[in-house]
C-alpha atoms as a PDB file:
ATOM      1  CA  GLU A   1     -39.621 -54.004 -27.126  1.00  0.00           C
ATOM      2  CA  GLU A   2     -40.356 -56.555 -29.839  1.00  0.00           C
ATOM      3  CA  VAL A   3     -43.284 -58.895 -29.276  1.00  0.00           C
ATOM      4  CA  ARG A   4     -42.672 -62.469 -30.388  1.00  0.00           C
ATOM      5  CA  VAL A   5     -45.542 -64.640 -31.464  1.00  0.00           C
ATOM      6  CA  ILE A   6     -45.048 -68.350 -30.889  1.00  0.00           C
ATOM      7  CA  ASP A   7     -47.000 -70.797 -33.003  1.00  0.00           C
ATOM      8  CA  PHE A   8     -48.003 -73.920 -31.066  1.00  0.00           C
ATOM      9  CA  THR A   9     -49.805 -75.472 -34.028  1.00  0.00           C
ATOM     10  CA  PRO A  10     -48.624 -79.040 -34.638  1.00  0.00           C
ATOM     11  CA  PRO A  11     -46.861 -80.694 -36.287  1.00  0.00           C
ATOM     12  CA  PHE A  12     -43.743 -79.220 -34.742  1.00  0.00           C
ATOM     13  CA  ARG A  13     -40.571 -78.849 -36.767  1.00  0.00           C
ATOM     14  CA  ARG A  14     -38.005 -81.644 -36.429  1.00  0.00           C
ATOM     15  CA  PHE A  15     -34.260 -81.360 -36.889  1.00  0.00           C
ATOM     16  CA  ASP A  16     -32.381 -84.632 -37.408  1.00  0.00           C
ATOM     17  CA  MET A  17     -29.244 -83.489 -35.575  1.00  0.00           C
ATOM     18  CA  ILE A  18     -26.282 -84.875 -37.535  1.00  0.00           C
ATOM     19  CA  PRO A  19     -27.730 -84.609 -41.084  1.00  0.00           C
ATOM     20  CA  GLU A  20     -28.905 -81.040 -40.354  1.00  0.00           C
ATOM     21  CA  LEU A  21     -25.494 -80.034 -38.999  1.00  0.00           C
ATOM     22  CA  GLU A  22     -23.788 -81.606 -42.012  1.00  0.00           C
ATOM     23  CA  LYS A  23     -26.067 -79.665 -44.345  1.00  0.00           C
ATOM     24  CA  ARG A  24     -25.515 -76.358 -42.555  1.00  0.00           C
ATOM     25  CA  THR A  25     -21.739 -76.709 -42.214  1.00  0.00           C
ATOM     26  CA  GLY A  26     -21.304 -78.140 -45.710  1.00  0.00           C
ATOM     27  CA  VAL A  27     -19.182 -81.114 -44.623  1.00  0.00           C
ATOM     28  CA  GLN A  28     -19.782 -84.784 -43.947  1.00  0.00           C
ATOM     29  CA  PHE A  29     -19.070 -85.847 -40.372  1.00  0.00           C
ATOM     30  CA  PRO A  30     -16.981 -88.896 -39.434  1.00  0.00           C
ATOM     31  CA  LYS A  31     -18.985 -92.065 -38.835  1.00  0.00           C
ATOM     32  CA  ASP A  32     -17.174 -93.015 -35.611  1.00  0.00           C
ATOM     33  CA  LEU A  33     -17.918 -90.029 -33.389  1.00  0.00           C
ATOM     34  CA  ALA A  34     -16.083 -91.591 -30.429  1.00  0.00           C
ATOM     35  CA  SER A  35     -12.705 -91.641 -32.209  1.00  0.00           C
ATOM     36  CA  GLU A  36      -9.776 -89.259 -31.671  1.00  0.00           C
ATOM     37  CA  GLU A  37     -10.019 -88.390 -35.368  1.00  0.00           C
ATOM     38  CA  ALA A  38     -13.616 -87.249 -34.865  1.00  0.00           C
ATOM     39  CA  ASN A  39     -12.565 -85.049 -31.949  1.00  0.00           C
ATOM     40  CA  ALA A  40      -9.848 -83.437 -34.075  1.00  0.00           C
ATOM     41  CA  PHE A  41     -12.374 -83.014 -36.928  1.00  0.00           C
ATOM     42  CA  PHE A  42     -14.942 -81.238 -34.730  1.00  0.00           C
ATOM     43  CA  ASP A  43     -12.276 -79.136 -33.031  1.00  0.00           C
ATOM     44  CA  LYS A  44     -11.094 -77.903 -36.426  1.00  0.00           C
ATOM     45  CA  LEU A  45     -14.677 -77.415 -37.674  1.00  0.00           C
ATOM     46  CA  CYS A  46     -15.579 -75.256 -34.674  1.00  0.00           C
ATOM     47  CA  ARG A  47     -12.445 -73.151 -35.151  1.00  0.00           C
ATOM     48  CA  GLU A  48     -13.188 -72.687 -38.866  1.00  0.00           C
ATOM     49  CA  HIS A  49     -16.787 -71.643 -38.141  1.00  0.00           C
ATOM     50  CA  LYS A  50     -15.726 -69.463 -35.187  1.00  0.00           C
ATOM     51  CA  VAL A  51     -17.835 -71.493 -32.770  1.00  0.00           C
ATOM     52  CA  GLU A  52     -16.443 -70.955 -29.281  1.00  0.00           C
ATOM     53  CA  CYS A  53     -16.091 -73.866 -26.898  1.00  0.00           C
ATOM     54  CA  SER A  54     -14.231 -73.727 -23.599  1.00  0.00           C
ATOM     55  CA  HIS A  55     -12.199 -76.605 -22.250  1.00  0.00           C
ATOM     56  CA  PRO A  56     -12.584 -79.522 -22.100  1.00  0.00           C
ATOM     57  CA  ARG A  57     -13.149 -79.595 -25.859  1.00  0.00           C
ATOM     58  CA  SER A  58     -14.683 -83.062 -25.972  1.00  0.00           C
ATOM     59  CA  THR A  59     -16.473 -84.254 -29.088  1.00  0.00           C
ATOM     60  CA  ALA A  60     -19.823 -84.091 -27.297  1.00  0.00           C
ATOM     61  CA  ARG A  61     -19.255 -80.463 -26.224  1.00  0.00           C
ATOM     62  CA  LEU A  62     -18.084 -79.460 -29.709  1.00  0.00           C
ATOM     63  CA  ILE A  63     -21.167 -81.017 -31.331  1.00  0.00           C
ATOM     64  CA  ASP A  64     -23.339 -79.321 -28.703  1.00  0.00           C
ATOM     65  CA  LYS A  65     -21.834 -75.914 -29.552  1.00  0.00           C
ATOM     66  CA  LEU A  66     -22.420 -76.517 -33.277  1.00  0.00           C
ATOM     67  CA  THR A  67     -26.014 -77.467 -32.458  1.00  0.00           C
ATOM     68  CA  GLU A  68     -26.421 -74.242 -30.485  1.00  0.00           C
ATOM     69  CA  ARG A  69     -25.091 -72.185 -33.380  1.00  0.00           C
ATOM     70  CA  TYR A  70     -26.926 -73.833 -36.263  1.00  0.00           C
ATOM     71  CA  LEU A  71     -30.092 -75.494 -34.913  1.00  0.00           C
ATOM     72  CA  GLU A  72     -31.210 -74.141 -31.549  1.00  0.00           C
ATOM     73  CA  CYS A  73     -31.261 -70.588 -32.885  1.00  0.00           C
ATOM     74  CA  GLU A  74     -34.108 -71.652 -35.206  1.00  0.00           C
ATOM     75  CA  CYS A  75     -36.253 -73.061 -32.409  1.00  0.00           C
ATOM     76  CA  ASP A  76     -38.448 -70.028 -31.666  1.00  0.00           C
ATOM     77  CA  ASN A  77     -41.550 -72.121 -32.164  1.00  0.00           C
ATOM     78  CA  PRO A  78     -41.775 -75.592 -30.620  1.00  0.00           C
ATOM     79  CA  ALA A  79     -39.321 -77.925 -32.336  1.00  0.00           C
ATOM     80  CA  PHE A  80     -37.575 -81.221 -31.734  1.00  0.00           C
ATOM     81  CA  ILE A  81     -33.880 -81.902 -32.275  1.00  0.00           C
ATOM     82  CA  ILE A  82     -33.956 -85.638 -32.792  1.00  0.00           C
ATOM     83  CA  ASN A  83     -31.493 -88.519 -33.107  1.00  0.00           C
ATOM     84  CA  GLN A  84     -28.745 -87.083 -30.953  1.00  0.00           C
ATOM     85  CA  PRO A  85     -25.691 -89.338 -31.124  1.00  0.00           C
ATOM     86  CA  GLN A  86     -25.017 -91.587 -28.134  1.00  0.00           C
ATOM     87  CA  ILE A  87     -21.808 -89.695 -27.446  1.00  0.00           C
ATOM     88  CA  MET A  88     -23.968 -86.693 -26.464  1.00  0.00           C
ATOM     89  CA  SER A  89     -25.635 -88.477 -23.565  1.00  0.00           C
ATOM     90  CA  PRO A  90     -24.611 -91.599 -21.676  1.00  0.00           C
ATOM     91  CA  LEU A  91     -28.297 -92.454 -21.189  1.00  0.00           C
ATOM     92  CA  ALA A  92     -29.222 -92.211 -24.878  1.00  0.00           C
ATOM     93  CA  LYS A  93     -30.630 -95.296 -26.542  1.00  0.00           C
ATOM     94  CA  TYR A  94     -28.950 -96.473 -29.704  1.00  0.00           C
ATOM     95  CA  HIS A  95     -30.652 -95.763 -33.019  1.00  0.00           C
ATOM     96  CA  ARG A  96     -31.971 -98.866 -34.763  1.00  0.00           C
ATOM     97  CA  ASP A  97     -30.610 -97.830 -38.168  1.00  0.00           C
ATOM     98  CA  VAL A  98     -27.715 -95.444 -37.492  1.00  0.00           C
ATOM     99  CA  PRO A  99     -24.644 -96.514 -35.509  1.00  0.00           C
ATOM    100  CA  GLY A 100     -23.273 -94.139 -32.861  1.00  0.00           C
END
């Protein structure tokens, strides 16, 4: 059995969700994440990257699955995934500088 050592030394790593996903997938995401075009974009992106997502394949679920694949897997040590888009949570506050 492999022993994992977790480093709790601050500062903790931060992942700015959308820019990090864009960097790791190699594509720029649509600006209006609530649009039908964005849903089609993320549906296609998940299929191309073989990221599984059961129905309903909403934009929020598709982004969540991409986040699981590309960001959460790197969170062995404490880390923050920041600036989640509003579409991901109905209770999210809007970002002062970034729409959506």
